[in-house]
């Protein structure tokens, strides 16, 4: 089956990382000068059970975005849970910041 090959590949590519804010906060503050002039949009996945709301808020506060968009009903894998909404959101971002 084709999906079993995809599963094996995905398992091989997984790299454990810490999502602890204490680890993230030890990094230098991101600024326009240090981080560049790339426009950033943060997409909040409202039903994400991996990246909890307080961590999402912390990431937004500590890496300022030009805009924050919300996809209601989306989980951590928004491309699977709300693919049409994500596509629409990315298209809006592309049109706005191109």
N, C-alpha and C. Protein backbone atom coordinates (compact mmCIF):
# COMPACT_ATOMS: atom_id res chain seq x y z
N UNK A 1 0.83 -1.19 0.00
CA UNK A 1 0.00 0.00 0.00
C UNK A 1 0.87 1.25 0.00
N UNK A 2 0.43 2.22 -0.74
CA UNK A 2 1.19 3.45 -0.87
C UNK A 2 1.25 4.25 0.42
N UNK A 3 0.16 4.27 1.21
CA UNK A 3 0.13 5.06 2.44
C UNK A 3 1.13 4.53 3.45
N UNK A 4 1.42 3.21 3.44
CA UNK A 4 2.37 2.65 4.41
C UNK A 4 3.77 3.16 4.13
N UNK A 5 4.11 3.36 2.85
CA UNK A 5 5.41 3.93 2.49
C UNK A 5 5.49 5.38 2.97
N UNK A 6 4.40 6.12 2.83
CA UNK A 6 4.36 7.49 3.31
C UNK A 6 4.53 7.55 4.82
N UNK A 7 3.90 6.63 5.53
CA UNK A 7 4.01 6.58 6.98
C UNK A 7 5.45 6.30 7.41
N UNK A 8 6.09 5.34 6.78
CA UNK A 8 7.49 5.01 7.11
C UNK A 8 8.38 6.23 6.84
N UNK A 9 8.19 6.89 5.72
CA UNK A 9 8.99 8.07 5.40
C UNK A 9 8.76 9.17 6.42
N UNK A 10 7.51 9.41 6.77
CA UNK A 10 7.19 10.45 7.76
C UNK A 10 7.84 10.14 9.09
N UNK A 11 7.82 8.88 9.51
CA UNK A 11 8.43 8.50 10.79
C UNK A 11 9.94 8.69 10.75
N UNK A 12 10.55 8.46 9.61
CA UNK A 12 11.99 8.65 9.48
C UNK A 12 12.39 10.12 9.53
N UNK A 13 11.49 10.98 9.08
CA UNK A 13 11.79 12.41 9.01
C UNK A 13 11.47 13.18 10.28
N UNK A 14 10.78 12.56 11.22
CA UNK A 14 10.40 13.25 12.46
C UNK A 14 11.65 13.56 13.28
N UNK A 15 11.74 14.80 13.73
CA UNK A 15 12.83 15.24 14.59
C UNK A 15 12.23 15.81 15.86
N UNK A 16 12.57 15.25 17.01
CA UNK A 16 12.00 15.77 18.26
C UNK A 16 12.51 17.18 18.57
N UNK A 17 11.61 18.05 18.97
CA UNK A 17 11.99 19.40 19.38
C UNK A 17 11.20 19.76 20.62
N UNK A 18 11.72 20.69 21.37
CA UNK A 18 11.02 21.16 22.54
C UNK A 18 10.18 22.36 22.16
N UNK A 19 8.93 22.37 22.59
CA UNK A 19 8.07 23.52 22.34
C UNK A 19 7.97 24.38 23.59
N UNK A 20 8.95 24.25 24.46
CA UNK A 20 8.96 25.00 25.71
C UNK A 20 9.32 26.46 25.45
N UNK A 21 8.55 27.37 26.02
CA UNK A 21 8.87 28.79 25.85
C UNK A 21 10.18 29.15 26.54
N UNK A 22 10.58 28.39 27.56
CA UNK A 22 11.84 28.69 28.23
C UNK A 22 13.01 28.43 27.29
N UNK A 23 12.91 27.41 26.45
CA UNK A 23 13.96 27.15 25.47
C UNK A 23 13.94 28.22 24.39
N UNK A 24 12.75 28.55 23.92
CA UNK A 24 12.63 29.55 22.86
C UNK A 24 13.05 30.94 23.33
N UNK A 25 12.77 31.27 24.58
CA UNK A 25 13.07 32.62 25.06
C UNK A 25 14.55 32.85 25.28
N UNK A 26 15.37 31.79 25.23
CA UNK A 26 16.80 31.97 25.40
C UNK A 26 17.45 32.52 24.13
N UNK A 27 16.72 32.50 23.03
CA UNK A 27 17.24 33.01 21.77
C UNK A 27 17.22 34.54 21.78
N UNK A 28 18.01 35.12 20.88
CA UNK A 28 18.02 36.57 20.75
C UNK A 28 16.65 37.06 20.27
N UNK A 29 16.32 38.27 20.68
CA UNK A 29 15.07 38.86 20.22
C UNK A 29 15.13 39.10 18.72
N UNK A 30 14.03 38.80 18.05
CA UNK A 30 13.97 39.02 16.60
C UNK A 30 13.56 40.45 16.33
N UNK A 31 14.33 41.13 15.51
CA UNK A 31 14.03 42.51 15.15
C UNK A 31 14.05 42.64 13.63
N UNK A 32 13.55 43.76 13.13
CA UNK A 32 13.58 44.01 11.68
C UNK A 32 15.01 43.96 11.17
N UNK A 33 15.95 44.53 11.96
CA UNK A 33 17.34 44.57 11.54
C UNK A 33 17.97 43.18 11.53
N UNK A 34 17.65 42.38 12.54
CA UNK A 34 18.25 41.06 12.65
C UNK A 34 17.52 40.01 11.82
N UNK A 35 16.23 40.17 11.67
CA UNK A 35 15.42 39.14 11.03
C UNK A 35 15.12 39.45 9.58
N UNK A 36 15.37 40.66 9.18
CA UNK A 36 15.14 41.02 7.79
C UNK A 36 13.79 41.69 7.59
N UNK A 37 13.49 41.95 6.36
CA UNK A 37 12.28 42.70 6.04
C UNK A 37 11.18 41.82 5.44
N UNK A 38 11.28 40.52 5.62
CA UNK A 38 10.28 39.60 5.10
C UNK A 38 8.97 39.81 5.86
N UNK A 39 7.89 39.97 5.11
CA UNK A 39 6.57 40.13 5.72
C UNK A 39 6.17 38.79 6.32
N UNK A 40 5.56 38.84 7.49
CA UNK A 40 5.18 37.63 8.20
C UNK A 40 3.70 37.67 8.57
N UNK A 41 3.03 36.54 8.36
CA UNK A 41 1.65 36.38 8.76
C UNK A 41 1.58 35.09 9.58
N UNK A 42 1.03 35.18 10.77
CA UNK A 42 0.87 34.01 11.63
C UNK A 42 -0.55 33.51 11.47
N UNK A 43 -0.69 32.22 11.20
CA UNK A 43 -2.01 31.61 11.06
C UNK A 43 -2.29 30.81 12.32
N UNK A 44 -3.31 31.25 13.05
CA UNK A 44 -3.71 30.57 14.28
C UNK A 44 -4.65 29.43 13.92
N UNK A 45 -4.31 28.24 14.41
CA UNK A 45 -5.16 27.06 14.25
C UNK A 45 -5.93 26.90 15.56
N UNK A 46 -7.21 27.22 15.55
CA UNK A 46 -7.99 27.34 16.78
C UNK A 46 -8.14 26.05 17.58
N UNK A 47 -8.11 24.91 16.94
CA UNK A 47 -8.30 23.64 17.65
C UNK A 47 -6.99 22.85 17.75
N UNK A 48 -5.85 23.55 17.70
CA UNK A 48 -4.54 22.90 17.77
C UNK A 48 -4.31 22.37 19.18
N UNK A 49 -4.13 21.06 19.31
CA UNK A 49 -3.84 20.45 20.61
C UNK A 49 -2.36 20.19 20.81
N UNK A 50 -1.53 20.56 19.84
CA UNK A 50 -0.08 20.41 19.96
C UNK A 50 0.53 21.74 20.40
N UNK A 51 0.26 22.78 19.64
CA UNK A 51 0.74 24.12 20.00
C UNK A 51 -0.45 24.83 20.66
N UNK A 52 -0.43 24.82 21.97
CA UNK A 52 -1.54 25.36 22.77
C UNK A 52 -1.68 26.87 22.56
N UNK A 53 -2.86 27.42 22.83
CA UNK A 53 -3.11 28.85 22.61
C UNK A 53 -2.10 29.77 23.30
N UNK A 54 -1.68 29.44 24.52
CA UNK A 54 -0.73 30.32 25.20
C UNK A 54 0.63 30.33 24.49
N UNK A 55 1.04 29.20 23.92
CA UNK A 55 2.30 29.17 23.18
C UNK A 55 2.15 29.91 21.85
N UNK A 56 0.99 29.76 21.20
CA UNK A 56 0.76 30.51 19.96
C UNK A 56 0.81 32.01 20.23
N UNK A 57 0.18 32.44 21.32
CA UNK A 57 0.21 33.86 21.68
C UNK A 57 1.63 34.31 21.98
N UNK A 58 2.40 33.48 22.67
CA UNK A 58 3.79 33.81 23.00
C UNK A 58 4.60 33.97 21.71
N UNK A 59 4.40 33.06 20.74
CA UNK A 59 5.14 33.14 19.48
C UNK A 59 4.78 34.42 18.72
N UNK A 60 3.50 34.78 18.73
CA UNK A 60 3.07 36.01 18.05
C UNK A 60 3.69 37.23 18.74
N UNK A 61 3.67 37.25 20.07
CA UNK A 61 4.23 38.38 20.82
C UNK A 61 5.74 38.51 20.64
N UNK A 62 6.44 37.39 20.52
CA UNK A 62 7.89 37.40 20.46
C UNK A 62 8.47 37.35 19.06
N UNK A 63 7.63 37.22 18.07
CA UNK A 63 8.03 37.27 16.67
C UNK A 63 6.95 38.02 15.93
N UNK A 64 6.93 39.33 16.10
CA UNK A 64 5.82 40.13 15.57
C UNK A 64 5.53 39.86 14.10
N UNK A 65 4.27 39.62 13.83
CA UNK A 65 3.83 39.39 12.46
C UNK A 65 3.13 40.65 11.96
N UNK A 66 3.09 40.79 10.64
CA UNK A 66 2.39 41.92 10.04
C UNK A 66 0.88 41.73 10.18
N UNK A 67 0.48 40.47 10.32
CA UNK A 67 -0.94 40.16 10.41
C UNK A 67 -1.10 38.80 11.08
N UNK A 68 -2.20 38.62 11.77
CA UNK A 68 -2.55 37.32 12.36
C UNK A 68 -3.89 36.91 11.78
N UNK A 69 -3.91 35.72 11.19
CA UNK A 69 -5.15 35.18 10.63
C UNK A 69 -5.56 33.98 11.47
N UNK A 70 -6.84 33.72 11.52
CA UNK A 70 -7.38 32.62 12.31
C UNK A 70 -8.18 31.70 11.40
N UNK A 71 -7.92 30.40 11.51
CA UNK A 71 -8.73 29.42 10.81
C UNK A 71 -9.47 28.63 11.87
N UNK A 72 -10.74 28.94 12.04
CA UNK A 72 -11.58 28.28 13.04
C UNK A 72 -11.78 26.81 12.69
N UNK A 73 -11.78 25.97 13.71
CA UNK A 73 -12.02 24.55 13.51
C UNK A 73 -10.82 23.79 12.99
N UNK A 74 -9.69 24.46 12.83
CA UNK A 74 -8.51 23.78 12.30
C UNK A 74 -7.66 23.24 13.44
N UNK A 75 -7.12 22.03 13.21
CA UNK A 75 -6.25 21.45 14.21
C UNK A 75 -4.79 21.70 13.82
N UNK A 76 -3.87 20.98 14.44
CA UNK A 76 -2.44 21.21 14.18
C UNK A 76 -2.08 20.96 12.72
N UNK A 77 -2.76 20.03 12.09
CA UNK A 77 -2.49 19.72 10.68
C UNK A 77 -3.56 20.38 9.82
N UNK A 78 -3.51 21.70 9.79
CA UNK A 78 -4.54 22.49 9.11
C UNK A 78 -4.67 22.10 7.64
N UNK A 79 -3.58 21.65 7.05
CA UNK A 79 -3.65 21.26 5.64
C UNK A 79 -4.52 20.03 5.42
N UNK A 80 -4.78 19.28 6.51
CA UNK A 80 -5.68 18.12 6.43
C UNK A 80 -7.06 18.46 6.98
N UNK A 81 -7.11 19.22 8.07
CA UNK A 81 -8.39 19.49 8.71
C UNK A 81 -9.20 20.56 8.00
N UNK A 82 -8.55 21.55 7.43
CA UNK A 82 -9.26 22.64 6.73
C UNK A 82 -8.47 23.06 5.48
N UNK A 83 -8.27 22.15 4.52
CA UNK A 83 -7.42 22.46 3.37
C UNK A 83 -7.93 23.62 2.50
N UNK A 84 -9.24 23.70 2.30
CA UNK A 84 -9.78 24.78 1.46
C UNK A 84 -9.62 26.13 2.14
N UNK A 85 -9.86 26.15 3.45
CA UNK A 85 -9.71 27.40 4.20
C UNK A 85 -8.25 27.84 4.22
N UNK A 86 -7.32 26.88 4.37
CA UNK A 86 -5.90 27.21 4.34
C UNK A 86 -5.49 27.75 2.98
N UNK A 87 -5.96 27.09 1.93
CA UNK A 87 -5.64 27.53 0.57
C UNK A 87 -6.14 28.96 0.35
N UNK A 88 -7.36 29.23 0.76
CA UNK A 88 -7.93 30.57 0.62
C UNK A 88 -7.12 31.59 1.41
N UNK A 89 -6.74 31.22 2.63
CA UNK A 89 -5.97 32.10 3.50
C UNK A 89 -4.60 32.41 2.86
N UNK A 90 -3.93 31.39 2.36
CA UNK A 90 -2.62 31.58 1.72
C UNK A 90 -2.74 32.42 0.45
N UNK A 91 -3.82 32.23 -0.28
CA UNK A 91 -4.04 33.04 -1.48
C UNK A 91 -4.23 34.51 -1.12
N UNK A 92 -5.03 34.78 -0.07
CA UNK A 92 -5.22 36.16 0.40
C UNK A 92 -3.89 36.78 0.82
N UNK A 93 -3.09 36.04 1.54
CA UNK A 93 -1.79 36.53 1.99
C UNK A 93 -0.91 36.83 0.80
N UNK A 94 -0.88 35.92 -0.16
CA UNK A 94 -0.06 36.10 -1.36
C UNK A 94 -0.45 37.35 -2.13
N UNK A 95 -1.75 37.54 -2.30
CA UNK A 95 -2.23 38.72 -3.03
C UNK A 95 -1.95 40.01 -2.28
N UNK A 96 -2.09 39.97 -0.98
CA UNK A 96 -1.90 41.18 -0.18
C UNK A 96 -0.43 41.60 -0.09
N UNK A 97 0.48 40.64 0.02
CA UNK A 97 1.88 40.96 0.29
C UNK A 97 2.80 40.77 -0.90
N UNK A 98 2.23 40.58 -2.10
CA UNK A 98 3.06 40.43 -3.31
C UNK A 98 3.32 41.77 -3.95
